[in-house]
Amino acid sequence: MCEQSEANDVEHIYPKSFFPEYAFDWNNYLLACKPCNPAYKLDTFFVLDAQDDAVKLERGVQPPHQTFAFINPRTENPNDWMILNTLTFRFDLLPDLSKRDINKATKTLDVLQLNIRDTLLAARKSVARYYYQRMQLLVDILVSTTKNQVFQLLTPYDELLDHQKSLNELKEELKTSFKKDITTYQHPSVWHAIKVVASRTSPKWKTIFDQLPEALNW
């Protein structure tokens, strides 16, 4: 849920204590980390009433409404409600959301404390820095004119490359490797925000994407 820690808990998105009918629903299962599940979420949950106001559920009391005020990442895309601000590293709600969607997104953020946990803010900033360094390195590789330049750019810890391959083959192999790394790394919401917002507002990121526009679709 937080995109940060190792997912080692099976979480019921809709708490089985309130919604036992979803206890064995596959789409109600989510791998979550220890901090998110027992430390923050547990069975804290909100529903929306007929006026789309959020109502907190109380233990031992039947849920008064069945419209959930929580984004289910198994069946819904959080990017439809919010986007990460790459200056504050907190999530901002998208403009023009309905009252229902505002309350749904807000309660998701509040329950998991996604905008106030210092470790998450620091991690997102670190990941943004990592993405930039990797993308800048890839651009430098792709504009190299000799194989020796490519090998000089790599660290001693990068996978060994076949020196018999052509320069273009090496570049394509590395681009594929970097793409896989970028698209499977922690905090995908950071990469999404970089593509959607930073690529237009940050001169440094704009330069990167001007040189490698296909990365906007990664």
C-alpha atoms as a PDB file:
ATOM      1  CA  MET A   1       0.000   0.000   0.000  1.00  0.00           C
ATOM      2  CA  CYS A   2       2.770   2.428   0.933  1.00  0.00           C
ATOM      3  CA  GLU A   3       5.052   1.084  -1.843  1.00  0.00           C
ATOM      4  CA  GLN A   4       7.895   1.131   0.660  1.00  0.00           C
ATOM      5  CA  SER A   5       8.424  -1.967   2.801  1.00  0.00           C
ATOM      6  CA  GLU A   6       8.507  -5.619   1.954  1.00  0.00           C
ATOM      7  CA  ALA A   7       5.005  -7.014   1.514  1.00  0.00           C
ATOM      8  CA  ASN A   8       4.808  -9.811   4.057  1.00  0.00           C
ATOM      9  CA  ASP A   9       1.232  -9.602   5.380  1.00  0.00           C
ATOM     10  CA  VAL A  10      -1.996 -10.622   3.680  1.00  0.00           C
ATOM     11  CA  GLU A  11      -4.368  -7.754   4.303  1.00  0.00           C
ATOM     12  CA  HIS A  12      -8.155  -7.716   3.953  1.00  0.00           C
ATOM     13  CA  ILE A  13      -8.796  -4.385   2.251  1.00  0.00           C
ATOM     14  CA  TYR A  14     -12.382  -4.383   3.478  1.00  0.00           C
ATOM     15  CA  PRO A  15     -11.994  -5.597   7.099  1.00  0.00           C
ATOM     16  CA  LYS A  16     -13.522  -9.002   7.633  1.00  0.00           C
ATOM     17  CA  SER A  17     -14.658  -7.863  11.093  1.00  0.00           C
ATOM     18  CA  PHE A  18     -17.108  -5.491   9.375  1.00  0.00           C
ATOM     19  CA  PHE A  19     -17.595  -7.249   6.039  1.00  0.00           C
ATOM     20  CA  PRO A  20     -17.383 -11.016   6.623  1.00  0.00           C
ATOM     21  CA  GLU A  21     -18.963 -11.580   3.209  1.00  0.00           C
ATOM     22  CA  TYR A  22     -15.655 -10.418   1.667  1.00  0.00           C
ATOM     23  CA  ALA A  23     -13.451 -12.562   3.910  1.00  0.00           C
ATOM     24  CA  PHE A  24     -12.716 -15.023   1.092  1.00  0.00           C
ATOM     25  CA  ASP A  25     -13.056 -12.676  -1.862  1.00  0.00           C
ATOM     26  CA  TRP A  26      -9.832 -12.834  -3.896  1.00  0.00           C
ATOM     27  CA  ASN A  27     -10.074  -9.146  -4.796  1.00  0.00           C
ATOM     28  CA  ASN A  28     -10.160  -8.298  -1.111  1.00  0.00           C
ATOM     29  CA  TYR A  29      -6.705  -9.752  -0.495  1.00  0.00           C
ATOM     30  CA  LEU A  30      -3.641  -7.554  -0.723  1.00  0.00           C
ATOM     31  CA  LEU A  31      -0.015  -8.107   0.193  1.00  0.00           C
ATOM     32  CA  ALA A  32       0.902  -5.381   2.656  1.00  0.00           C
ATOM     33  CA  CYS A  33       3.861  -4.557   4.848  1.00  0.00           C
ATOM     34  CA  LYS A  34       3.896  -4.852   8.632  1.00  0.00           C
ATOM     35  CA  PRO A  35       3.782  -1.075   9.251  1.00  0.00           C
ATOM     36  CA  CYS A  36       0.763  -0.527   7.006  1.00  0.00           C
ATOM     37  CA  ASN A  37      -1.337  -3.404   8.246  1.00  0.00           C
ATOM     38  CA  PRO A  38      -1.079  -3.825  12.043  1.00  0.00           C
ATOM     39  CA  ALA A  39       0.425  -0.407  12.797  1.00  0.00           C
ATOM     40  CA  TYR A  40      -1.947   1.796  10.791  1.00  0.00           C
ATOM     41  CA  LYS A  41      -4.852   0.157   9.047  1.00  0.00           C
ATOM     42  CA  LEU A  42      -5.961  -2.804  11.175  1.00  0.00           C
ATOM     43  CA  ASP A  43      -9.769  -2.603  10.889  1.00  0.00           C
ATOM     44  CA  THR A  44      -9.969   1.194  10.732  1.00  0.00           C
ATOM     45  CA  PHE A  45     -12.446   1.852   7.966  1.00  0.00           C
ATOM     46  CA  PHE A  46     -14.887   4.436   6.650  1.00  0.00           C
ATOM     47  CA  VAL A  47     -17.985   4.204   4.497  1.00  0.00           C
ATOM     48  CA  LEU A  48     -19.912   6.913   2.681  1.00  0.00           C
ATOM     49  CA  ASP A  49     -23.462   7.811   3.582  1.00  0.00           C
ATOM     50  CA  ALA A  50     -26.207   8.952   1.219  1.00  0.00           C
ATOM     51  CA  GLN A  51     -24.713  12.470   1.157  1.00  0.00           C
ATOM     52  CA  ASP A  52     -21.236  11.055   0.403  1.00  0.00           C
ATOM     53  CA  ASP A  53     -19.953  12.070   3.835  1.00  0.00           C
ATOM     54  CA  ALA A  54     -17.448   9.709   5.446  1.00  0.00           C
ATOM     55  CA  VAL A  55     -18.632   7.681   8.432  1.00  0.00           C
ATOM     56  CA  LYS A  56     -16.135   5.806  10.612  1.00  0.00           C
ATOM     57  CA  LEU A  57     -17.145   2.252  11.461  1.00  0.00           C
ATOM     58  CA  GLU A  58     -17.313   1.173  15.095  1.00  0.00           C
ATOM     59  CA  ARG A  59     -16.452  -2.276  16.337  1.00  0.00           C
ATOM     60  CA  GLY A  60     -19.482  -4.342  17.210  1.00  0.00           C
ATOM     61  CA  VAL A  61     -21.800  -2.108  15.196  1.00  0.00           C
ATOM     62  CA  GLN A  62     -23.212  -3.177  11.835  1.00  0.00           C
ATOM     63  CA  PRO A  63     -21.892  -0.931   9.018  1.00  0.00           C
ATOM     64  CA  PRO A  64     -24.689   1.566   8.328  1.00  0.00           C
ATOM     65  CA  HIS A  65     -23.723   1.936   4.664  1.00  0.00           C
ATOM     66  CA  GLN A  66     -22.076  -0.201   1.992  1.00  0.00           C
ATOM     67  CA  THR A  67     -20.237   2.406  -0.107  1.00  0.00           C
ATOM     68  CA  PHE A  68     -16.575   2.061   0.804  1.00  0.00           C
ATOM     69  CA  ALA A  69     -14.429   5.137   1.477  1.00  0.00           C
ATOM     70  CA  PHE A  70     -11.211   3.375   0.572  1.00  0.00           C
ATOM     71  CA  ILE A  71      -9.407   2.797  -2.720  1.00  0.00           C
ATOM     72  CA  ASN A  72      -8.998  -0.882  -3.540  1.00  0.00           C
ATOM     73  CA  PRO A  73      -5.712  -1.135  -5.490  1.00  0.00           C
ATOM     74  CA  ARG A  74      -6.677  -4.629  -6.629  1.00  0.00           C
ATOM     75  CA  THR A  75      -9.576  -3.333  -8.693  1.00  0.00           C
ATOM     76  CA  GLU A  76      -8.981   0.438  -8.837  1.00  0.00           C
ATOM     77  CA  ASN A  77      -6.086   2.618  -9.940  1.00  0.00           C
ATOM     78  CA  PRO A  78      -5.090   5.156  -7.252  1.00  0.00           C
ATOM     79  CA  ASN A  79      -3.764   7.382 -10.052  1.00  0.00           C
ATOM     80  CA  ASP A  80      -7.396   8.114 -10.901  1.00  0.00           C
ATOM     81  CA  TRP A  81      -7.717   9.963  -7.579  1.00  0.00           C
ATOM     82  CA  MET A  82      -4.306  11.402  -6.736  1.00  0.00           C
ATOM     83  CA  ILE A  83      -0.806  12.139  -7.911  1.00  0.00           C
ATOM     84  CA  LEU A  84       2.423  12.534  -6.015  1.00  0.00           C
ATOM     85  CA  ASN A  85       3.743  16.067  -5.664  1.00  0.00           C
ATOM     86  CA  THR A  86       7.438  15.818  -6.567  1.00  0.00           C
ATOM     87  CA  LEU A  87       8.252  18.935  -4.534  1.00  0.00           C
ATOM     88  CA  THR A  88       6.636  17.876  -1.250  1.00  0.00           C
ATOM     89  CA  PHE A  89       6.546  14.116  -1.910  1.00  0.00           C
ATOM     90  CA  ARG A  90       2.994  14.047  -0.600  1.00  0.00           C
ATOM     91  CA  PHE A  91      -0.033  12.985  -2.592  1.00  0.00           C
ATOM     92  CA  ASP A  92      -2.272  15.708  -3.994  1.00  0.00           C
ATOM     93  CA  LEU A  93      -5.843  14.977  -5.013  1.00  0.00           C
ATOM     94  CA  LEU A  94      -6.611  15.425  -8.677  1.00  0.00           C
ATOM     95  CA  PRO A  95      -8.697  18.482  -9.549  1.00  0.00           C
ATOM     96  CA  ASP A  96     -12.432  18.301 -10.212  1.00  0.00           C
ATOM     97  CA  LEU A  97     -13.067  15.185  -8.130  1.00  0.00           C
ATOM     98  CA  SER A  98     -16.587  14.650  -6.874  1.00  0.00           C
ATOM     99  CA  LYS A  99     -17.345  14.877  -3.153  1.00  0.00           C
ATOM    100  CA  ARG A 100     -17.529  11.080  -3.060  1.00  0.00           C
ATOM    101  CA  ASP A 101     -14.129  10.687  -4.671  1.00  0.00           C
ATOM    102  CA  ILE A 102     -12.544  13.367  -2.476  1.00  0.00           C
ATOM    103  CA  ASN A 103     -13.702  11.598   0.670  1.00  0.00           C
ATOM    104  CA  LYS A 104     -12.685   8.206  -0.672  1.00  0.00           C
ATOM    105  CA  ALA A 105      -9.168   9.359  -1.532  1.00  0.00           C
ATOM    106  CA  THR A 106      -8.776  11.424   1.639  1.00  0.00           C
ATOM    107  CA  LYS A 107      -9.759   8.552   3.913  1.00  0.00           C
ATOM    108  CA  THR A 108      -7.384   6.206   2.104  1.00  0.00           C
ATOM    109  CA  LEU A 109      -4.535   8.649   2.716  1.00  0.00           C
ATOM    110  CA  ASP A 110      -5.611   9.291   6.310  1.00  0.00           C
ATOM    111  CA  VAL A 111      -6.027   5.665   7.346  1.00  0.00           C
ATOM    112  CA  LEU A 112      -2.606   4.681   6.023  1.00  0.00           C
ATOM    113  CA  GLN A 113      -1.047   8.044   6.966  1.00  0.00           C
ATOM    114  CA  LEU A 114       0.600   8.124   3.558  1.00  0.00           C
ATOM    115  CA  ASN A 115       1.203  11.875   3.624  1.00  0.00           C
ATOM    116  CA  ILE A 116       2.589  12.235   7.146  1.00  0.00           C
ATOM    117  CA  ARG A 117       4.944   9.300   7.692  1.00  0.00           C
ATOM    118  CA  ASP A 118       8.420  10.809   7.550  1.00  0.00           C
ATOM    119  CA  THR A 119      10.008   7.554   6.435  1.00  0.00           C
ATOM    120  CA  LEU A 120       7.754   7.481   3.375  1.00  0.00           C
ATOM    121  CA  LEU A 121       8.475  11.083   2.419  1.00  0.00           C
ATOM    122  CA  ALA A 122      12.213  10.481   2.700  1.00  0.00           C
ATOM    123  CA  ALA A 123      11.989   7.240   0.751  1.00  0.00           C
ATOM    124  CA  ARG A 124      10.047   8.870  -2.100  1.00  0.00           C
ATOM    125  CA  LYS A 125      12.632  11.637  -2.359  1.00  0.00           C
ATOM    126  CA  SER A 126      15.436   9.078  -2.397  1.00  0.00           C
ATOM    127  CA  VAL A 127      13.670   7.085  -5.104  1.00  0.00           C
ATOM    128  CA  ALA A 128      13.154  10.216  -7.219  1.00  0.00           C
ATOM    129  CA  ARG A 129      16.878  10.880  -6.966  1.00  0.00           C
ATOM    130  CA  TYR A 130      17.599   7.272  -7.966  1.00  0.00           C
ATOM    131  CA  TYR A 131      15.291   7.496 -10.996  1.00  0.00           C
ATOM    132  CA  TYR A 132      17.010  10.665 -12.147  1.00  0.00           C
ATOM    133  CA  GLN A 133      20.511   9.247 -11.754  1.00  0.00           C
ATOM    134  CA  ARG A 134      19.591   6.088 -13.638  1.00  0.00           C
ATOM    135  CA  MET A 135      17.890   7.956 -16.449  1.00  0.00           C
ATOM    136  CA  GLN A 136      20.763  10.416 -16.803  1.00  0.00           C
ATOM    137  CA  LEU A 137      23.204   7.512 -16.933  1.00  0.00           C
ATOM    138  CA  LEU A 138      21.117   5.802 -19.595  1.00  0.00           C
ATOM    139  CA  VAL A 139      21.047   8.969 -21.706  1.00  0.00           C
ATOM    140  CA  ASP A 140      24.831   9.243 -21.387  1.00  0.00           C
ATOM    141  CA  ILE A 141      25.154   5.631 -22.518  1.00  0.00           C
ATOM    142  CA  LEU A 142      22.881   6.127 -25.509  1.00  0.00           C
ATOM    143  CA  VAL A 143      24.829   9.148 -26.767  1.00  0.00           C
ATOM    144  CA  SER A 144      28.181   7.369 -26.411  1.00  0.00           C
ATOM    145  CA  THR A 145      30.083   6.989 -29.657  1.00  0.00           C
ATOM    146  CA  THR A 146      32.343   4.083 -28.695  1.00  0.00           C
ATOM    147  CA  LYS A 147      31.999   0.861 -26.736  1.00  0.00           C
ATOM    148  CA  ASN A 148      34.817   1.962 -24.464  1.00  0.00           C
ATOM    149  CA  GLN A 149      32.778   5.032 -23.451  1.00  0.00           C
ATOM    150  CA  VAL A 150      29.882   2.765 -22.552  1.00  0.00           C
ATOM    151  CA  PHE A 151      32.028   0.486 -20.415  1.00  0.00           C
ATOM    152  CA  GLN A 152      33.591   3.488 -18.662  1.00  0.00           C
ATOM    153  CA  LEU A 153      30.156   4.750 -17.645  1.00  0.00           C
ATOM    154  CA  LEU A 154      29.187   1.500 -15.958  1.00  0.00           C
ATOM    155  CA  THR A 155      30.089   0.711 -12.357  1.00  0.00           C
ATOM    156  CA  PRO A 156      32.130  -2.346 -11.312  1.00  0.00           C
ATOM    157  CA  TYR A 157      28.861  -3.805 -10.043  1.00  0.00           C
ATOM    158  CA  ASP A 158      26.920  -3.761 -13.287  1.00  0.00           C
ATOM    159  CA  GLU A 159      26.381  -7.034 -15.086  1.00  0.00           C
ATOM    160  CA  LEU A 160      29.167  -7.974 -17.460  1.00  0.00           C
ATOM    161  CA  LEU A 161      28.450  -7.201 -21.082  1.00  0.00           C
ATOM    162  CA  ASP A 162      29.565  -9.098 -24.132  1.00  0.00           C
ATOM    163  CA  HIS A 163      32.466  -7.124 -25.594  1.00  0.00           C
ATOM    164  CA  GLN A 164      31.904  -8.830 -28.917  1.00  0.00           C
ATOM    165  CA  LYS A 165      28.554  -7.156 -29.431  1.00  0.00           C
ATOM    166  CA  SER A 166      28.260  -4.029 -31.525  1.00  0.00           C
ATOM    167  CA  LEU A 167      27.823  -0.612 -29.946  1.00  0.00           C
ATOM    168  CA  ASN A 168      24.161  -0.501 -30.952  1.00  0.00           C
ATOM    169  CA  GLU A 169      23.540  -3.977 -29.546  1.00  0.00           C
ATOM    170  CA  LEU A 170      25.099  -2.964 -26.236  1.00  0.00           C
ATOM    171  CA  LYS A 171      22.979   0.162 -26.085  1.00  0.00           C
ATOM    172  CA  GLU A 172      19.781  -1.776 -26.752  1.00  0.00           C
ATOM    173  CA  GLU A 173      20.681  -4.379 -24.132  1.00  0.00           C
ATOM    174  CA  LEU A 174      21.334  -1.705 -21.541  1.00  0.00           C
ATOM    175  CA  LYS A 175      18.203   0.247 -22.417  1.00  0.00           C
ATOM    176  CA  THR A 176      16.131  -2.899 -21.904  1.00  0.00           C
ATOM    177  CA  SER A 177      17.854  -3.551 -18.578  1.00  0.00           C
ATOM    178  CA  PHE A 178      17.382   0.033 -17.365  1.00  0.00           C
ATOM    179  CA  LYS A 179      13.733   0.020 -18.405  1.00  0.00           C
ATOM    180  CA  LYS A 180      13.079  -3.152 -16.413  1.00  0.00           C
ATOM    181  CA  ASP A 181      14.823  -1.652 -13.394  1.00  0.00           C
ATOM    182  CA  ILE A 182      12.883   1.615 -13.592  1.00  0.00           C
ATOM    183  CA  THR A 183       9.474   0.004 -14.100  1.00  0.00           C
ATOM    184  CA  THR A 184       9.852  -2.550 -11.293  1.00  0.00           C
ATOM    185  CA  TYR A 185      11.504  -0.343  -8.677  1.00  0.00           C
ATOM    186  CA  GLN A 186       9.956   0.844  -5.417  1.00  0.00           C
ATOM    187  CA  HIS A 187       7.426   3.653  -5.313  1.00  0.00           C
ATOM    188  CA  PRO A 188       5.959   3.457  -8.825  1.00  0.00           C
ATOM    189  CA  SER A 189       3.847   6.500  -7.912  1.00  0.00           C
ATOM    190  CA  VAL A 190       7.061   8.546  -8.002  1.00  0.00           C
ATOM    191  CA  TRP A 191       7.854   7.418 -11.537  1.00  0.00           C
ATOM    192  CA  HIS A 192       4.260   8.112 -12.590  1.00  0.00           C
ATOM    193  CA  ALA A 193       4.459  11.674 -11.228  1.00  0.00           C
ATOM    194  CA  ILE A 194       7.812  12.232 -12.900  1.00  0.00           C
ATOM    195  CA  LYS A 195       6.347  11.236 -16.274  1.00  0.00           C
ATOM    196  CA  VAL A 196       3.105  13.162 -15.895  1.00  0.00           C
ATOM    197  CA  VAL A 197       4.266  16.336 -14.125  1.00  0.00           C
ATOM    198  CA  ALA A 198       8.035  16.646 -13.730  1.00  0.00           C
ATOM    199  CA  SER A 199       8.623  15.904 -17.421  1.00  0.00           C
ATOM    200  CA  ARG A 200       6.837  19.215 -18.153  1.00  0.00           C
ATOM    201  CA  THR A 201       7.754  21.364 -15.164  1.00  0.00           C
ATOM    202  CA  SER A 202      11.340  20.423 -14.359  1.00  0.00           C
ATOM    203  CA  PRO A 203      13.972  21.604 -16.876  1.00  0.00           C
ATOM    204  CA  LYS A 204      16.297  18.760 -15.944  1.00  0.00           C
ATOM    205  CA  TRP A 205      13.635  16.106 -16.378  1.00  0.00           C
ATOM    206  CA  LYS A 206      12.423  17.738 -19.579  1.00  0.00           C
ATOM    207  CA  THR A 207      15.943  17.422 -20.988  1.00  0.00           C
ATOM    208  CA  ILE A 208      15.990  13.715 -20.094  1.00  0.00           C
ATOM    209  CA  PHE A 209      12.669  12.999 -21.793  1.00  0.00           C
ATOM    210  CA  ASP A 210      13.528  15.153 -24.801  1.00  0.00           C
ATOM    211  CA  GLN A 211      16.490  12.844 -25.347  1.00  0.00           C
ATOM    212  CA  LEU A 212      14.562   9.666 -24.550  1.00  0.00           C
ATOM    213  CA  PRO A 213      10.866  10.369 -25.266  1.00  0.00           C
ATOM    214  CA  GLU A 214       9.895   6.685 -25.344  1.00  0.00           C
ATOM    215  CA  ALA A 215      10.501   6.567 -21.577  1.00  0.00           C
ATOM    216  CA  LEU A 216       7.272   8.533 -21.136  1.00  0.00           C
ATOM    217  CA  ASN A 217       5.495   5.268 -21.953  1.00  0.00           C
ATOM    218  CA  TRP A 218       7.492   3.134 -19.546  1.00  0.00           C
END
